[in-house]
Amino acid sequence: MYDDILLPTDGTESMEDVYLHTLDLAQRHDATVHVLYVIDDRAFLTLAPDLVDDVVGELETEGNAATAAALDRLAEGGVETQAVLRRGSPAEEIVAYVEEAGIDVVTMGTHGSNYQQNMVGSVSARVVADSPVPVMTVNVNGDRE
């Protein structure tokens, strides 16, 4: 059922629960996990053109570190992985990658326990609304009831 799983990451330490759920799903289905980091270029609109290359370089470094950390964590579970860096609007790039790579399910973190209050306008809310495949969201704040 799930051959390819997409795990978008922001590289924060709060991703641990997302990794655990992704690992479980990947192991159960013998699936490949695609780890995606999106360089959010919407912030570049206000930057001077001569600063954009420096900022992109820094964000690529962060993205490489984030995907490497996720790959290391997933490797502990013995699942097949691949890393991808993209540039654009995170929600749009996640959904585009789902369609381009033939992804079967997305596992991603979300902040907050009140979906309506905390998710409006968030990346995960947009992905849930626009994704052609199921999206599993995992609370990364540790706020559990």
N, C-alpha and C. Protein backbone atom coordinates (compact mmCIF):
# COMPACT_ATOMS: atom_id res chain seq x y z
N MET A 1 0.83 -1.20 0.00
CA MET A 1 0.00 0.00 0.00
C MET A 1 0.86 1.25 0.00
N TYR A 2 1.89 1.29 0.84
CA TYR A 2 2.78 2.45 0.90
C TYR A 2 4.18 2.02 0.49
N ASP A 3 4.56 2.34 -0.73
CA ASP A 3 5.91 2.03 -1.21
C ASP A 3 6.86 3.20 -1.03
N ASP A 4 6.31 4.41 -1.11
CA ASP A 4 7.13 5.63 -1.00
C ASP A 4 6.47 6.60 -0.03
N ILE A 5 7.24 6.98 0.98
CA ILE A 5 6.78 7.88 2.03
C ILE A 5 7.58 9.17 1.93
N LEU A 6 6.90 10.30 2.01
CA LEU A 6 7.58 11.59 2.02
C LEU A 6 7.62 12.14 3.43
N LEU A 7 8.83 12.50 3.87
CA LEU A 7 9.05 13.10 5.19
C LEU A 7 9.65 14.48 4.98
N PRO A 8 8.83 15.53 4.94
CA PRO A 8 9.39 16.88 4.90
C PRO A 8 9.99 17.20 6.26
N THR A 9 11.14 17.84 6.29
CA THR A 9 11.77 18.16 7.57
C THR A 9 12.23 19.61 7.59
N ASP A 10 12.20 20.18 8.78
CA ASP A 10 12.76 21.52 8.98
C ASP A 10 14.06 21.43 9.76
N GLY A 11 14.44 20.22 10.14
CA GLY A 11 15.71 20.01 10.81
C GLY A 11 15.72 20.25 12.30
N THR A 12 14.58 20.57 12.87
CA THR A 12 14.55 20.84 14.31
C THR A 12 14.56 19.54 15.10
N GLU A 13 15.01 19.62 16.34
CA GLU A 13 15.04 18.45 17.22
C GLU A 13 13.65 17.92 17.51
N SER A 14 12.64 18.75 17.32
CA SER A 14 11.27 18.33 17.62
C SER A 14 10.74 17.29 16.63
N MET A 15 11.53 16.93 15.62
CA MET A 15 11.11 15.97 14.60
C MET A 15 11.17 14.51 15.09
N GLU A 16 11.69 14.25 16.26
CA GLU A 16 11.89 12.87 16.72
C GLU A 16 10.62 12.03 16.64
N ASP A 17 9.49 12.55 17.09
CA ASP A 17 8.25 11.77 17.03
C ASP A 17 7.84 11.50 15.59
N VAL A 18 8.10 12.44 14.70
CA VAL A 18 7.78 12.23 13.28
C VAL A 18 8.66 11.11 12.73
N TYR A 19 9.93 11.12 13.08
CA TYR A 19 10.84 10.04 12.65
C TYR A 19 10.33 8.69 13.12
N LEU A 20 9.89 8.60 14.37
CA LEU A 20 9.41 7.33 14.91
C LEU A 20 8.19 6.81 14.15
N HIS A 21 7.24 7.68 13.87
CA HIS A 21 6.05 7.28 13.12
C HIS A 21 6.40 6.90 11.68
N THR A 22 7.31 7.66 11.10
CA THR A 22 7.73 7.38 9.72
C THR A 22 8.45 6.04 9.65
N LEU A 23 9.34 5.80 10.60
CA LEU A 23 10.05 4.52 10.67
C LEU A 23 9.09 3.35 10.79
N ASP A 24 8.14 3.48 11.67
CA ASP A 24 7.17 2.41 11.88
C ASP A 24 6.42 2.11 10.58
N LEU A 25 5.95 3.14 9.94
CA LEU A 25 5.22 2.98 8.69
C LEU A 25 6.11 2.37 7.60
N ALA A 26 7.32 2.86 7.48
CA ALA A 26 8.24 2.37 6.45
C ALA A 26 8.62 0.91 6.70
N GLN A 27 8.86 0.55 7.94
CA GLN A 27 9.22 -0.83 8.26
C GLN A 27 8.06 -1.78 8.00
N ARG A 28 6.86 -1.36 8.36
CA ARG A 28 5.68 -2.22 8.15
C ARG A 28 5.41 -2.47 6.67
N HIS A 29 5.74 -1.50 5.83
CA HIS A 29 5.41 -1.60 4.40
C HIS A 29 6.64 -1.78 3.52
N ASP A 30 7.80 -1.93 4.12
CA ASP A 30 9.05 -2.05 3.36
C ASP A 30 9.14 -0.91 2.34
N ALA A 31 8.94 0.30 2.83
CA ALA A 31 8.85 1.48 1.97
C ALA A 31 10.14 2.28 1.97
N THR A 32 10.32 3.06 0.92
CA THR A 32 11.41 4.02 0.82
C THR A 32 10.92 5.34 1.39
N VAL A 33 11.77 5.98 2.20
CA VAL A 33 11.44 7.30 2.76
C VAL A 33 12.22 8.37 2.01
N HIS A 34 11.49 9.31 1.46
CA HIS A 34 12.08 10.47 0.78
C HIS A 34 12.09 11.61 1.80
N VAL A 35 13.26 12.08 2.16
CA VAL A 35 13.39 13.18 3.12
C VAL A 35 13.55 14.47 2.31
N LEU A 36 12.65 15.40 2.52
CA LEU A 36 12.62 16.64 1.75
C LEU A 36 12.81 17.85 2.64
N TYR A 37 13.73 18.71 2.23
CA TYR A 37 13.92 20.00 2.88
C TYR A 37 13.67 21.07 1.82
N VAL A 38 12.78 22.01 2.13
CA VAL A 38 12.47 23.07 1.18
C VAL A 38 13.06 24.38 1.68
N ILE A 39 13.88 24.98 0.84
CA ILE A 39 14.40 26.32 1.12
C ILE A 39 13.29 27.29 0.78
N ASP A 40 12.77 27.93 1.81
CA ASP A 40 11.63 28.83 1.65
C ASP A 40 12.10 30.15 1.04
N ASP A 41 11.88 30.32 -0.24
CA ASP A 41 12.39 31.52 -0.91
C ASP A 41 11.43 32.70 -0.84
N ARG A 42 10.33 32.56 -0.15
CA ARG A 42 9.40 33.68 -0.02
C ARG A 42 10.04 34.83 0.75
N ALA A 43 10.97 34.52 1.65
CA ALA A 43 11.64 35.55 2.44
C ALA A 43 12.61 36.38 1.60
N PHE A 44 12.98 35.87 0.43
CA PHE A 44 13.95 36.56 -0.41
C PHE A 44 13.38 37.81 -1.07
N LEU A 45 12.07 37.96 -1.04
CA LEU A 45 11.43 39.09 -1.72
C LEU A 45 11.91 40.43 -1.18
N THR A 46 12.29 40.46 0.09
CA THR A 46 12.70 41.72 0.70
C THR A 46 14.22 41.88 0.77
N LEU A 47 14.96 40.87 0.29
CA LEU A 47 16.42 40.94 0.34
C LEU A 47 16.99 41.67 -0.86
N ALA A 48 18.09 42.35 -0.62
CA ALA A 48 18.83 42.96 -1.72
C ALA A 48 19.35 41.83 -2.60
N PRO A 49 19.31 41.98 -3.91
CA PRO A 49 19.73 40.91 -4.81
C PRO A 49 21.14 40.36 -4.53
N ASP A 50 22.05 41.22 -4.09
CA ASP A 50 23.42 40.75 -3.84
C ASP A 50 23.52 39.89 -2.58
N LEU A 51 22.49 39.86 -1.74
CA LEU A 51 22.49 39.04 -0.53
C LEU A 51 21.84 37.67 -0.75
N VAL A 52 21.07 37.53 -1.80
CA VAL A 52 20.31 36.31 -2.01
C VAL A 52 21.22 35.08 -2.10
N ASP A 53 22.31 35.17 -2.86
CA ASP A 53 23.20 34.01 -3.02
C ASP A 53 23.78 33.57 -1.69
N ASP A 54 24.16 34.53 -0.83
CA ASP A 54 24.70 34.18 0.48
C ASP A 54 23.66 33.48 1.35
N VAL A 55 22.44 34.02 1.33
CA VAL A 55 21.38 33.44 2.14
C VAL A 55 21.01 32.04 1.62
N VAL A 56 20.92 31.89 0.31
CA VAL A 56 20.61 30.59 -0.27
C VAL A 56 21.69 29.58 0.12
N GLY A 57 22.95 30.00 0.07
CA GLY A 57 24.04 29.12 0.47
C GLY A 57 23.91 28.66 1.91
N GLU A 58 23.57 29.58 2.80
CA GLU A 58 23.39 29.23 4.21
C GLU A 58 22.21 28.28 4.39
N LEU A 59 21.13 28.53 3.68
CA LEU A 59 19.95 27.68 3.80
C LEU A 59 20.19 26.30 3.18
N GLU A 60 20.98 26.24 2.13
CA GLU A 60 21.35 24.93 1.56
C GLU A 60 22.17 24.13 2.57
N THR A 61 23.07 24.81 3.27
CA THR A 61 23.86 24.15 4.30
C THR A 61 22.95 23.62 5.40
N GLU A 62 21.98 24.43 5.84
CA GLU A 62 21.01 23.99 6.84
C GLU A 62 20.19 22.81 6.33
N GLY A 63 19.79 22.89 5.07
CA GLY A 63 19.00 21.81 4.48
C GLY A 63 19.77 20.51 4.39
N ASN A 64 21.04 20.61 4.01
CA ASN A 64 21.88 19.40 3.95
C ASN A 64 22.06 18.80 5.34
N ALA A 65 22.24 19.65 6.34
CA ALA A 65 22.38 19.15 7.72
C ALA A 65 21.07 18.52 8.20
N ALA A 66 19.95 19.14 7.86
CA ALA A 66 18.64 18.63 8.28
C ALA A 66 18.35 17.27 7.64
N THR A 67 18.62 17.16 6.35
CA THR A 67 18.34 15.89 5.68
C THR A 67 19.32 14.81 6.15
N ALA A 68 20.58 15.19 6.40
CA ALA A 68 21.56 14.23 6.89
C ALA A 68 21.15 13.69 8.25
N ALA A 69 20.67 14.57 9.12
CA ALA A 69 20.22 14.14 10.45
C ALA A 69 19.04 13.18 10.33
N ALA A 70 18.11 13.49 9.46
CA ALA A 70 16.95 12.62 9.27
C ALA A 70 17.38 11.27 8.68
N LEU A 71 18.28 11.30 7.69
CA LEU A 71 18.76 10.06 7.09
C LEU A 71 19.47 9.19 8.11
N ASP A 72 20.29 9.82 8.96
CA ASP A 72 20.98 9.08 10.01
C ASP A 72 19.98 8.41 10.96
N ARG A 73 18.97 9.18 11.34
CA ARG A 73 17.96 8.66 12.28
C ARG A 73 17.19 7.51 11.65
N LEU A 74 16.82 7.65 10.39
CA LEU A 74 16.06 6.61 9.70
C LEU A 74 16.91 5.37 9.41
N ALA A 75 18.21 5.59 9.19
CA ALA A 75 19.12 4.47 8.92
C ALA A 75 19.18 3.52 10.11
N GLU A 76 18.98 4.05 11.31
CA GLU A 76 18.95 3.21 12.51
C GLU A 76 17.86 2.16 12.42
N GLY A 77 16.81 2.47 11.67
CA GLY A 77 15.69 1.54 11.51
C GLY A 77 15.81 0.66 10.29
N GLY A 78 16.89 0.81 9.54
CA GLY A 78 17.14 -0.06 8.40
C GLY A 78 16.22 0.15 7.21
N VAL A 79 15.69 1.35 7.03
CA VAL A 79 14.83 1.60 5.88
C VAL A 79 15.61 2.31 4.76
N GLU A 80 15.16 2.09 3.54
CA GLU A 80 15.78 2.75 2.40
C GLU A 80 15.36 4.22 2.39
N THR A 81 16.33 5.09 2.11
CA THR A 81 16.05 6.53 2.14
C THR A 81 16.68 7.25 0.96
N GLN A 82 16.20 8.43 0.72
CA GLN A 82 16.84 9.36 -0.20
C GLN A 82 16.52 10.77 0.25
N ALA A 83 17.44 11.69 -0.04
CA ALA A 83 17.27 13.08 0.39
C ALA A 83 17.10 13.99 -0.82
N VAL A 84 16.28 15.02 -0.64
CA VAL A 84 16.00 15.97 -1.70
C VAL A 84 15.94 17.37 -1.10
N LEU A 85 16.61 18.33 -1.75
CA LEU A 85 16.47 19.74 -1.41
C LEU A 85 15.77 20.43 -2.56
N ARG A 86 14.80 21.27 -2.22
CA ARG A 86 14.09 22.06 -3.23
C ARG A 86 14.00 23.49 -2.74
N ARG A 87 13.67 24.37 -3.64
CA ARG A 87 13.54 25.79 -3.29
C ARG A 87 12.19 26.28 -3.78
N GLY A 88 11.48 27.00 -2.89
CA GLY A 88 10.17 27.53 -3.23
C GLY A 88 9.32 27.69 -2.00
N SER A 89 8.03 27.72 -2.20
CA SER A 89 7.07 27.77 -1.11
C SER A 89 6.94 26.35 -0.54
N PRO A 90 7.19 26.16 0.76
CA PRO A 90 7.23 24.79 1.30
C PRO A 90 6.00 23.94 0.97
N ALA A 91 4.81 24.42 1.23
CA ALA A 91 3.63 23.60 0.98
C ALA A 91 3.50 23.25 -0.50
N GLU A 92 3.75 24.21 -1.36
CA GLU A 92 3.65 23.96 -2.80
C GLU A 92 4.70 22.96 -3.27
N GLU A 93 5.91 23.08 -2.76
CA GLU A 93 6.98 22.15 -3.15
C GLU A 93 6.73 20.74 -2.62
N ILE A 94 6.17 20.64 -1.43
CA ILE A 94 5.85 19.32 -0.87
C ILE A 94 4.82 18.62 -1.74
N VAL A 95 3.74 19.32 -2.06
CA VAL A 95 2.68 18.73 -2.88
C VAL A 95 3.20 18.41 -4.28
N ALA A 96 4.01 19.29 -4.84
CA ALA A 96 4.58 19.03 -6.17
C ALA A 96 5.45 17.79 -6.15
N TYR A 97 6.26 17.63 -5.10
CA TYR A 97 7.12 16.45 -4.99
C TYR A 97 6.29 15.18 -4.86
N VAL A 98 5.20 15.24 -4.10
CA VAL A 98 4.30 14.10 -3.96
C VAL A 98 3.87 13.61 -5.34
N GLU A 99 3.46 14.56 -6.17
CA GLU A 99 2.96 14.20 -7.49
C GLU A 99 4.08 13.73 -8.41
N GLU A 100 5.22 14.39 -8.38
CA GLU A 100 6.34 14.06 -9.28
C GLU A 100 6.98 12.72 -8.94
N ALA A 101 7.11 12.41 -7.66
CA ALA A 101 7.85 11.22 -7.23
C ALA A 101 6.95 10.00 -6.98
N GLY A 102 5.66 10.16 -7.16
CA GLY A 102 4.76 9.03 -6.92
C GLY A 102 4.67 8.62 -5.47
N ILE A 103 4.66 9.60 -4.59
CA ILE A 103 4.59 9.36 -3.14
C ILE A 103 3.21 8.81 -2.78
N ASP A 104 3.18 7.87 -1.82
CA ASP A 104 1.94 7.24 -1.40
C ASP A 104 1.35 7.84 -0.12
N VAL A 105 2.21 8.40 0.74
CA VAL A 105 1.75 9.00 2.00
C VAL A 105 2.81 9.99 2.47
N VAL A 106 2.36 11.04 3.14
CA VAL A 106 3.26 12.05 3.70
C VAL A 106 3.18 11.95 5.22
N THR A 107 4.34 11.99 5.88
CA THR A 107 4.37 12.07 7.34
C THR A 107 5.09 13.37 7.69
N MET A 108 4.44 14.21 8.47
CA MET A 108 5.06 15.50 8.78
C MET A 108 4.63 16.00 10.14
N GLY A 109 5.45 16.89 10.68
CA GLY A 109 5.16 17.48 11.98
C GLY A 109 4.20 18.63 11.87
N THR A 110 3.51 18.87 12.97
CA THR A 110 2.63 20.02 13.08
C THR A 110 2.76 20.59 14.49
N HIS A 111 2.53 21.86 14.63
CA HIS A 111 2.64 22.53 15.93
C HIS A 111 1.27 22.77 16.53
N GLY A 112 1.16 22.50 17.81
CA GLY A 112 -0.08 22.83 18.52
C GLY A 112 -1.07 21.69 18.54
N SER A 113 -1.95 21.72 19.52
CA SER A 113 -2.94 20.67 19.67
C SER A 113 -4.32 21.09 19.19
N ASN A 114 -4.56 22.38 19.02
CA ASN A 114 -5.85 22.87 18.53
C ASN A 114 -5.73 23.11 17.03
N TYR A 115 -6.17 22.14 16.26
CA TYR A 115 -6.00 22.19 14.81
C TYR A 115 -6.55 23.48 14.21
N GLN A 116 -7.76 23.83 14.52
CA GLN A 116 -8.37 25.02 13.92
C GLN A 116 -7.63 26.30 14.28
N GLN A 117 -7.21 26.42 15.52
CA GLN A 117 -6.58 27.64 15.98
C GLN A 117 -5.13 27.75 15.52
N ASN A 118 -4.37 26.67 15.60
CA ASN A 118 -2.93 26.73 15.35
C ASN A 118 -2.51 26.36 13.94
N MET A 119 -3.38 25.75 13.17
CA MET A 119 -2.98 25.24 11.88
C MET A 119 -3.36 26.15 10.71
N VAL A 120 -4.24 27.08 10.92
CA VAL A 120 -4.69 27.92 9.82
C VAL A 120 -3.49 28.64 9.22
N GLY A 121 -3.27 28.42 7.93
CA GLY A 121 -2.17 29.08 7.25
C GLY A 121 -0.84 28.38 7.38
N SER A 122 -0.76 27.30 8.14
CA SER A 122 0.51 26.62 8.33
C SER A 122 0.83 25.73 7.13
N VAL A 123 2.09 25.35 7.03
CA VAL A 123 2.52 24.47 5.95
C VAL A 123 1.76 23.15 6.00
N SER A 124 1.69 22.54 7.18
CA SER A 124 1.02 21.24 7.27
C SER A 124 -0.47 21.35 6.92
N ALA A 125 -1.12 22.43 7.29
CA ALA A 125 -2.54 22.59 6.94
C ALA A 125 -2.71 22.70 5.43
N ARG A 126 -1.82 23.42 4.78
CA ARG A 126 -1.90 23.54 3.31
C ARG A 126 -1.64 22.21 2.64
N VAL A 127 -0.67 21.45 3.16
CA VAL A 127 -0.37 20.15 2.57
C VAL A 127 -1.57 19.21 2.75
N VAL A 128 -2.15 19.19 3.95
CA VAL A 128 -3.32 18.35 4.20
C VAL A 128 -4.43 18.71 3.22
N ALA A 129 -4.65 19.99 3.00
CA ALA A 129 -5.73 20.44 2.12
C ALA A 129 -5.45 20.15 0.65
N ASP A 130 -4.19 20.22 0.24
CA ASP A 130 -3.87 20.13 -1.19
C ASP A 130 -3.30 18.79 -1.65
N SER A 131 -2.89 17.94 -0.74
CA SER A 131 -2.22 16.70 -1.11
C SER A 131 -3.19 15.70 -1.75
N PRO A 132 -2.74 15.06 -2.83
CA PRO A 132 -3.57 14.03 -3.45
C PRO A 132 -3.45 12.66 -2.73
N VAL A 133 -2.58 12.59 -1.71
CA VAL A 133 -2.39 11.34 -0.96
C VAL A 133 -2.62 11.62 0.53
N PRO A 134 -2.79 10.57 1.35
CA PRO A 134 -2.98 10.78 2.79
C PRO A 134 -1.77 11.49 3.42
N VAL A 135 -2.06 12.29 4.44
CA VAL A 135 -1.02 13.00 5.18
C VAL A 135 -1.19 12.68 6.66
N MET A 136 -0.14 12.11 7.26
CA MET A 136 -0.14 11.85 8.70
C MET A 136 0.59 13.00 9.36
N THR A 137 -0.12 13.74 10.23
CA THR A 137 0.54 14.82 10.96
C THR A 137 0.79 14.37 12.39
N VAL A 138 1.97 14.75 12.88
CA VAL A 138 2.40 14.37 14.22
C VAL A 138 2.71 15.66 15.00
N ASN A 139 2.11 15.78 16.16
CA ASN A 139 2.33 16.94 17.01
C ASN A 139 3.80 16.97 17.45
N VAL A 140 4.52 18.03 17.11
CA VAL A 140 5.94 18.11 17.47
C VAL A 140 6.21 19.03 18.66
N ASN A 141 5.17 19.54 19.27
CA ASN A 141 5.34 20.40 20.44
C ASN A 141 5.43 19.64 21.73
N GLY A 142 4.99 18.41 21.72
CA GLY A 142 4.95 17.66 22.98
C GLY A 142 3.74 17.98 23.81
N ASP A 143 2.82 18.77 23.25
CA ASP A 143 1.59 19.14 23.95
C ASP A 143 0.56 18.01 23.76
N ARG A 144 0.50 17.11 24.71
CA ARG A 144 -0.43 16.00 24.60
C ARG A 144 -1.37 16.02 25.80
N GLU A 145 -2.58 15.65 25.51
CA GLU A 145 -3.57 15.62 26.58
C GLU A 145 -3.84 14.21 27.03
